Amino acid sequence: MNLSGEPLPPQLRGQTVRTGAVEDPVTGDQKVHLAAADKIEGMVQRLVLEFRGRTR
């Protein structure tokens, strides 16, 4: 999962990559941190469900 907003290095290109835009919470208040955490959690949950679907 690439959350950086930047392209991957050449050695990683060609891999399956999911991207997601998440606001950088470093300078934000608690509300910004919680929003970023919630968004990342949702992305990870979707990824888990995707992988589980592949193994069935």
PDB file of N, CA and C in Angstrom:
ATOM      1  N   MET A   1       0.848  -1.158   0.000  1.00  0.00           N
ATOM      2  CA  MET A   1       0.000   0.000   0.000  1.00  0.00           C
ATOM      3  C   MET A   1       0.897   1.226   0.000  1.00  0.00           C
ATOM      4  N   ASN A   2       0.681   2.089  -0.957  1.00  0.00           N
ATOM      5  CA  ASN A   2       1.482   3.311  -1.077  1.00  0.00           C
ATOM      6  C   ASN A   2       0.626   4.494  -0.648  1.00  0.00           C
ATOM      7  N   LEU A   3       0.958   5.055   0.503  1.00  0.00           N
ATOM      8  CA  LEU A   3       0.225   6.211   1.017  1.00  0.00           C
ATOM      9  C   LEU A   3       1.015   7.495   0.878  1.00  0.00           C
ATOM     10  N   SER A   4       2.178   7.398   0.258  1.00  0.00           N
ATOM     11  CA  SER A   4       3.083   8.544   0.205  1.00  0.00           C
ATOM     12  C   SER A   4       2.650   9.630  -0.769  1.00  0.00           C
ATOM     13  N   GLY A   5       1.863   9.258  -1.769  1.00  0.00           N
ATOM     14  CA  GLY A   5       1.507  10.223  -2.804  1.00  0.00           C
ATOM     15  C   GLY A   5       2.601  10.386  -3.843  1.00  0.00           C
ATOM     16  N   GLU A   6       3.673   9.641  -3.685  1.00  0.00           N
ATOM     17  CA  GLU A   6       4.803   9.683  -4.616  1.00  0.00           C
ATOM     18  C   GLU A   6       4.854   8.379  -5.396  1.00  0.00           C
ATOM     19  N   PRO A   7       5.423   8.406  -6.611  1.00  0.00           N
ATOM     20  CA  PRO A   7       5.569   7.155  -7.358  1.00  0.00           C
ATOM     21  C   PRO A   7       6.552   6.222  -6.656  1.00  0.00           C
ATOM     22  N   LEU A   8       6.370   4.944  -6.891  1.00  0.00           N
ATOM     23  CA  LEU A   8       7.274   3.956  -6.308  1.00  0.00           C
ATOM     24  C   LEU A   8       8.621   3.977  -7.006  1.00  0.00           C
ATOM     25  N   PRO A   9       9.669   3.530  -6.306  1.00  0.00           N
ATOM     26  CA  PRO A   9      10.976   3.431  -6.946  1.00  0.00           C
ATOM     27  C   PRO A   9      10.934   2.409  -8.086  1.00  0.00           C
ATOM     28  N   PRO A  10      11.824   2.548  -9.051  1.00  0.00           N
ATOM     29  CA  PRO A  10      11.801   1.662 -10.228  1.00  0.00           C
ATOM     30  C   PRO A  10      11.831   0.175  -9.875  1.00  0.00           C
ATOM     31  N   GLN A  11      12.556  -0.225  -8.846  1.00  0.00           N
ATOM     32  CA  GLN A  11      12.663  -1.650  -8.520  1.00  0.00           C
ATOM     33  C   GLN A  11      11.340  -2.234  -8.014  1.00  0.00           C
ATOM     34  N   LEU A  12      10.393  -1.393  -7.641  1.00  0.00           N
ATOM     35  CA  LEU A  12       9.091  -1.878  -7.177  1.00  0.00           C
ATOM     36  C   LEU A  12       8.009  -1.753  -8.232  1.00  0.00           C
ATOM     37  N   ARG A  13       8.287  -1.133  -9.323  1.00  0.00           N
ATOM     38  CA  ARG A  13       7.284  -0.998 -10.379  1.00  0.00           C
ATOM     39  C   ARG A  13       6.986  -2.363 -10.966  1.00  0.00           C
ATOM     40  N   GLY A  14       5.767  -2.549 -11.371  1.00  0.00           N
ATOM     41  CA  GLY A  14       5.341  -3.839 -11.889  1.00  0.00           C
ATOM     42  C   GLY A  14       4.694  -4.695 -10.817  1.00  0.00           C
ATOM     43  N   GLN A  15       4.812  -4.292  -9.564  1.00  0.00           N
ATOM     44  CA  GLN A  15       4.156  -4.989  -8.464  1.00  0.00           C
ATOM     45  C   GLN A  15       2.720  -4.496  -8.352  1.00  0.00           C
ATOM     46  N   THR A  16       1.870  -5.302  -7.751  1.00  0.00           N
ATOM     47  CA  THR A  16       0.511  -4.860  -7.485  1.00  0.00           C
ATOM     48  C   THR A  16       0.557  -3.887  -6.319  1.00  0.00           C
ATOM     49  N   VAL A  17       0.073  -2.692  -6.553  1.00  0.00           N
ATOM     50  CA  VAL A  17       0.135  -1.648  -5.528  1.00  0.00           C
ATOM     51  C   VAL A  17      -1.215  -0.965  -5.424  1.00  0.00           C
ATOM     52  N   ARG A  18      -1.645  -0.762  -4.213  1.00  0.00           N
ATOM     53  CA  ARG A  18      -2.829   0.046  -3.974  1.00  0.00           C
ATOM     54  C   ARG A  18      -2.356   1.394  -3.462  1.00  0.00           C
ATOM     55  N   THR A  19      -3.007   2.427  -3.904  1.00  0.00           N
ATOM     56  CA  THR A  19      -2.634   3.759  -3.445  1.00  0.00           C
ATOM     57  C   THR A  19      -3.814   4.361  -2.689  1.00  0.00           C
ATOM     58  N   GLY A  20      -3.503   5.292  -1.847  1.00  0.00           N
ATOM     59  CA  GLY A  20      -4.551   5.967  -1.104  1.00  0.00           C
ATOM     60  C   GLY A  20      -4.072   7.333  -0.658  1.00  0.00           C
ATOM     61  N   ALA A  21      -4.955   8.286  -0.755  1.00  0.00           N
ATOM     62  CA  ALA A  21      -4.618   9.634  -0.316  1.00  0.00           C
ATOM     63  C   ALA A  21      -5.046   9.793   1.135  1.00  0.00           C
ATOM     64  N   VAL A  22      -4.076  10.055   1.986  1.00  0.00           N
ATOM     65  CA  VAL A  22      -4.335  10.276   3.407  1.00  0.00           C
ATOM     66  C   VAL A  22      -3.630  11.563   3.792  1.00  0.00           C
ATOM     67  N   GLU A  23      -4.376  12.460   4.416  1.00  0.00           N
ATOM     68  CA  GLU A  23      -3.777  13.721   4.847  1.00  0.00           C
ATOM     69  C   GLU A  23      -2.669  13.434   5.854  1.00  0.00           C
ATOM     70  N   ASP A  24      -1.528  14.088   5.687  1.00  0.00           N
ATOM     71  CA  ASP A  24      -0.404  13.922   6.605  1.00  0.00           C
ATOM     72  C   ASP A  24      -0.777  14.543   7.950  1.00  0.00           C
ATOM     73  N   PRO A  25      -0.866  13.738   9.013  1.00  0.00           N
ATOM     74  CA  PRO A  25      -1.331  14.261  10.288  1.00  0.00           C
ATOM     75  C   PRO A  25      -0.235  14.879  11.161  1.00  0.00           C
ATOM     76  N   VAL A  26       0.981  14.946  10.674  1.00  0.00           N
ATOM     77  CA  VAL A  26       2.103  15.368  11.509  1.00  0.00           C
ATOM     78  C   VAL A  26       1.866  16.713  12.177  1.00  0.00           C
ATOM     79  N   THR A  27       1.374  17.679  11.447  1.00  0.00           N
ATOM     80  CA  THR A  27       1.190  19.006  12.048  1.00  0.00           C
ATOM     81  C   THR A  27      -0.254  19.266  12.466  1.00  0.00           C
ATOM     82  N   GLY A  28      -1.093  18.246  12.344  1.00  0.00           N
ATOM     83  CA  GLY A  28      -2.504  18.433  12.650  1.00  0.00           C
ATOM     84  C   GLY A  28      -2.835  18.199  14.117  1.00  0.00           C
ATOM     85  N   ASP A  29      -4.056  18.525  14.445  1.00  0.00           N
ATOM     86  CA  ASP A  29      -4.537  18.285  15.798  1.00  0.00           C
ATOM     87  C   ASP A  29      -5.065  16.849  15.910  1.00  0.00           C
ATOM     88  N   GLN A  30      -5.651  16.527  17.051  1.00  0.00           N
ATOM     89  CA  GLN A  30      -6.133  15.172  17.288  1.00  0.00           C
ATOM     90  C   GLN A  30      -7.181  14.758  16.265  1.00  0.00           C
ATOM     91  N   LYS A  31      -8.035  15.683  15.842  1.00  0.00           N
ATOM     92  CA  LYS A  31      -9.068  15.368  14.856  1.00  0.00           C
ATOM     93  C   LYS A  31      -8.439  14.893  13.543  1.00  0.00           C
ATOM     94  N   VAL A  32      -7.369  15.562  13.116  1.00  0.00           N
ATOM     95  CA  VAL A  32      -6.671  15.179  11.876  1.00  0.00           C
ATOM     96  C   VAL A  32      -6.022  13.804  12.040  1.00  0.00           C
ATOM     97  N   HIS A  33      -5.416  13.565  13.198  1.00  0.00           N
ATOM     98  CA  HIS A  33      -4.788  12.260  13.459  1.00  0.00           C
ATOM     99  C   HIS A  33      -5.823  11.140  13.425  1.00  0.00           C
ATOM    100  N   LEU A  34      -6.955  11.357  14.076  1.00  0.00           N
ATOM    101  CA  LEU A  34      -7.997  10.333  14.112  1.00  0.00           C
ATOM    102  C   LEU A  34      -8.585  10.081  12.737  1.00  0.00           C
ATOM    103  N   ALA A  35      -8.760  11.133  11.948  1.00  0.00           N
ATOM    104  CA  ALA A  35      -9.290  10.966  10.594  1.00  0.00           C
ATOM    105  C   ALA A  35      -8.326  10.152   9.733  1.00  0.00           C
ATOM    106  N   ALA A  36      -7.032  10.439   9.851  1.00  0.00           N
ATOM    107  CA  ALA A  36      -6.032   9.681   9.083  1.00  0.00           C
ATOM    108  C   ALA A  36      -6.023   8.221   9.533  1.00  0.00           C
ATOM    109  N   ALA A  37      -6.073   7.995  10.839  1.00  0.00           N
ATOM    110  CA  ALA A  37      -6.077   6.618  11.361  1.00  0.00           C
ATOM    111  C   ALA A  37      -7.311   5.859  10.881  1.00  0.00           C
ATOM    112  N   ASP A  38      -8.466   6.501  10.906  1.00  0.00           N
ATOM    113  CA  ASP A  38      -9.695   5.853  10.441  1.00  0.00           C
ATOM    114  C   ASP A  38      -9.621   5.502   8.965  1.00  0.00           C
ATOM    115  N   LYS A  39      -9.082   6.408   8.174  1.00  0.00           N
ATOM    116  CA  LYS A  39      -8.981   6.154   6.734  1.00  0.00           C
ATOM    117  C   LYS A  39      -8.024   4.992   6.455  1.00  0.00           C
ATOM    118  N   ILE A  40      -6.878   4.984   7.134  1.00  0.00           N
ATOM    119  CA  ILE A  40      -5.912   3.897   6.947  1.00  0.00           C
ATOM    120  C   ILE A  40      -6.512   2.575   7.411  1.00  0.00           C
ATOM    121  N   GLU A  41      -7.216   2.581   8.528  1.00  0.00           N
ATOM    122  CA  GLU A  41      -7.843   1.358   9.017  1.00  0.00           C
ATOM    123  C   GLU A  41      -8.834   0.803   7.997  1.00  0.00           C
ATOM    124  N   GLY A  42      -9.633   1.671   7.409  1.00  0.00           N
ATOM    125  CA  GLY A  42     -10.585   1.222   6.393  1.00  0.00           C
ATOM    126  C   GLY A  42      -9.892   0.630   5.182  1.00  0.00           C
ATOM    127  N   MET A  43      -8.786   1.242   4.768  1.00  0.00           N
ATOM    128  CA  MET A  43      -8.039   0.732   3.618  1.00  0.00           C
ATOM    129  C   MET A  43      -7.467  -0.651   3.924  1.00  0.00           C
ATOM    130  N   VAL A  44      -6.945  -0.826   5.122  1.00  0.00           N
ATOM    131  CA  VAL A  44      -6.376  -2.119   5.515  1.00  0.00           C
ATOM    132  C   VAL A  44      -7.474  -3.170   5.608  1.00  0.00           C
ATOM    133  N   GLN A  45      -8.621  -2.805   6.148  1.00  0.00           N
ATOM    134  CA  GLN A  45      -9.727  -3.761   6.232  1.00  0.00           C
ATOM    135  C   GLN A  45     -10.157  -4.228   4.841  1.00  0.00           C
ATOM    136  N   ARG A  46     -10.241  -3.303   3.892  1.00  0.00           N
ATOM    137  CA  ARG A  46     -10.604  -3.693   2.518  1.00  0.00           C
ATOM    138  C   ARG A  46      -9.549  -4.612   1.912  1.00  0.00           C
ATOM    139  N   LEU A  47      -8.286  -4.337   2.202  1.00  0.00           N
ATOM    140  CA  LEU A  47      -7.203  -5.171   1.695  1.00  0.00           C
ATOM    141  C   LEU A  47      -7.285  -6.579   2.287  1.00  0.00           C
ATOM    142  N   VAL A  48      -7.553  -6.679   3.573  1.00  0.00           N
ATOM    143  CA  VAL A  48      -7.711  -7.985   4.222  1.00  0.00           C
ATOM    144  C   VAL A  48      -8.852  -8.762   3.570  1.00  0.00           C
ATOM    145  N   LEU A  49      -9.978  -8.104   3.366  1.00  0.00           N
ATOM    146  CA  LEU A  49     -11.112  -8.779   2.740  1.00  0.00           C
ATOM    147  C   LEU A  49     -10.774  -9.231   1.325  1.00  0.00           C
ATOM    148  N   GLU A  50     -10.029  -8.420   0.611  1.00  0.00           N
ATOM    149  CA  GLU A  50      -9.608  -8.797  -0.741  1.00  0.00           C
ATOM    150  C   GLU A  50      -8.738 -10.053  -0.701  1.00  0.00           C
ATOM    151  N   PHE A  51      -7.773 -10.076   0.197  1.00  0.00           N
ATOM    152  CA  PHE A  51      -6.885 -11.239   0.296  1.00  0.00           C
ATOM    153  C   PHE A  51      -7.641 -12.481   0.757  1.00  0.00           C
ATOM    154  N   ARG A  52      -8.546 -12.316   1.664  1.00  0.00           N
ATOM    155  CA  ARG A  52      -9.351 -13.462   2.112  1.00  0.00           C
ATOM    156  C   ARG A  52     -10.168 -14.030   0.960  1.00  0.00           C
ATOM    157  N   GLY A  53     -10.695 -13.166   0.110  1.00  0.00           N
ATOM    158  CA  GLY A  53     -11.473 -13.614  -1.037  1.00  0.00           C
ATOM    159  C   GLY A  53     -10.633 -14.406  -2.032  1.00  0.00           C
ATOM    160  N   ARG A  54      -9.358 -14.089  -2.103  1.00  0.00           N
ATOM    161  CA  ARG A  54      -8.473 -14.813  -3.027  1.00  0.00           C
ATOM    162  C   ARG A  54      -8.159 -16.219  -2.547  1.00  0.00           C
ATOM    163  N   THR A  55      -8.201 -16.448  -1.243  1.00  0.00           N
ATOM    164  CA  THR A  55      -7.797 -17.744  -0.697  1.00  0.00           C
ATOM    165  C   THR A  55      -8.939 -18.728  -0.631  1.00  0.00           C
ATOM    166  N   ARG A  56     -10.152 -18.288  -0.962  1.00  0.00           N
ATOM    167  CA  ARG A  56     -11.303 -19.186  -0.893  1.00  0.00           C
ATOM    168  C   ARG A  56     -11.504 -19.943  -2.163  1.00  0.00           C
TER     169      ARG A  56
END
